[in-house]
Amino acid sequence: MAKFEESLQRLEKVVDDLEKGDIPLEKALSLFEEGMKLSNACRKELETAEGKVEILLKQNGKLQAEPFEGAAPEKPAKR
């Protein structure tokens, strides 16, 4: 499996190609499918990394949540 950074770079290229809108439908569907696979792979890697960080932050059996510096603030959920 490709490294996270490589997968993310490819995903960005796929999105750029799809946004141009000047590709045949079959190619667009193929790119969309590839993009979804890349997105899922990146999400899983991020979740794994987050789990590792949480384990490292555990102290005395209690999780001390600490925001990642540089992370975008969470948006409130729409209702």
Protein backbone atom coordinates (compact mmCIF):
# COMPACT_ATOMS: atom_id res chain seq x y z
CA MET A 1 0.00 0.00 0.00
CA ALA A 2 1.22 3.47 -0.84
CA LYS A 3 2.32 5.82 1.87
CA PHE A 4 -0.22 8.32 3.20
CA GLU A 5 1.44 11.27 1.50
CA GLU A 6 1.50 9.50 -1.87
CA SER A 7 -2.15 8.52 -1.55
CA LEU A 8 -3.10 12.07 -0.60
CA GLN A 9 -1.17 13.53 -3.55
CA ARG A 10 -2.88 11.14 -5.95
CA LEU A 11 -6.27 11.95 -4.42
CA GLU A 12 -5.64 15.67 -4.96
CA LYS A 13 -4.78 14.97 -8.63
CA VAL A 14 -7.96 12.90 -9.06
CA VAL A 15 -10.05 15.71 -7.57
CA ASP A 16 -8.39 18.28 -9.85
CA ASP A 17 -9.08 16.12 -12.90
CA LEU A 18 -12.72 15.62 -11.91
CA GLU A 19 -13.23 19.33 -11.23
CA LYS A 20 -12.06 20.23 -14.72
CA GLY A 21 -15.10 18.42 -16.08
CA ASP A 22 -13.62 17.89 -19.55
CA ILE A 23 -13.24 14.12 -19.33
CA PRO A 24 -15.52 11.40 -20.69
CA LEU A 25 -18.10 9.93 -18.33
CA GLU A 26 -16.43 6.50 -18.15
CA LYS A 27 -13.10 8.09 -17.21
CA ALA A 28 -14.83 10.31 -14.64
CA LEU A 29 -16.49 7.26 -13.04
CA SER A 30 -13.16 5.43 -12.95
CA LEU A 31 -11.46 8.42 -11.34
CA PHE A 32 -14.30 8.80 -8.84
CA GLU A 33 -13.97 5.15 -7.83
CA GLU A 34 -10.20 5.53 -7.43
CA GLY A 35 -10.72 8.70 -5.41
CA MET A 36 -13.13 6.97 -3.04
CA LYS A 37 -10.63 4.14 -2.46
CA LEU A 38 -7.83 6.62 -1.83
CA SER A 39 -10.03 8.67 0.51
CA ASN A 40 -10.95 5.59 2.53
CA ALA A 41 -7.32 4.47 2.73
CA CYS A 42 -6.21 7.92 3.93
CA ARG A 43 -9.03 8.05 6.48
CA LYS A 44 -8.06 4.64 7.87
CA GLU A 45 -4.41 5.67 8.18
CA LEU A 46 -5.42 8.86 9.99
CA GLU A 47 -7.67 6.92 12.36
CA THR A 48 -4.82 4.51 13.11
CA ALA A 49 -2.46 7.40 13.78
CA GLU A 50 -5.06 9.07 16.00
CA GLY A 51 -5.44 5.87 18.00
CA LYS A 52 -1.69 5.68 18.51
CA VAL A 53 -1.58 9.30 19.67
CA GLU A 54 -4.42 8.67 22.14
CA ILE A 55 -2.55 5.70 23.58
CA LEU A 56 0.56 7.82 23.98
CA LEU A 57 -1.42 10.55 25.73
CA LYS A 58 -2.99 8.19 28.27
CA GLN A 59 -1.73 8.90 31.73
CA ASN A 60 -2.84 7.11 34.88
CA GLY A 61 -5.52 5.28 32.92
CA LYS A 62 -7.23 8.54 31.97
CA LEU A 63 -7.14 9.99 28.48
CA GLN A 64 -6.11 13.60 28.37
CA ALA A 65 -7.33 14.93 25.06
CA GLU A 66 -4.99 17.49 23.59
CA PRO A 67 -5.77 19.18 20.28
CA PHE A 68 -3.24 18.81 17.53
CA GLU A 69 -1.56 22.15 16.95
CA GLY A 70 -2.40 23.52 13.54
CA ALA A 71 -5.59 21.50 13.29
CA ALA A 72 -8.58 23.29 11.88
CA PRO A 73 -11.28 24.07 14.44
CA GLU A 74 -14.22 21.71 14.32
CA LYS A 75 -17.35 22.99 12.66
CA PRO A 76 -20.63 22.61 14.54
CA ALA A 77 -22.84 19.81 13.25
CA LYS A 78 -25.71 20.92 11.03
CA ARG A 79 -29.17 19.95 12.16
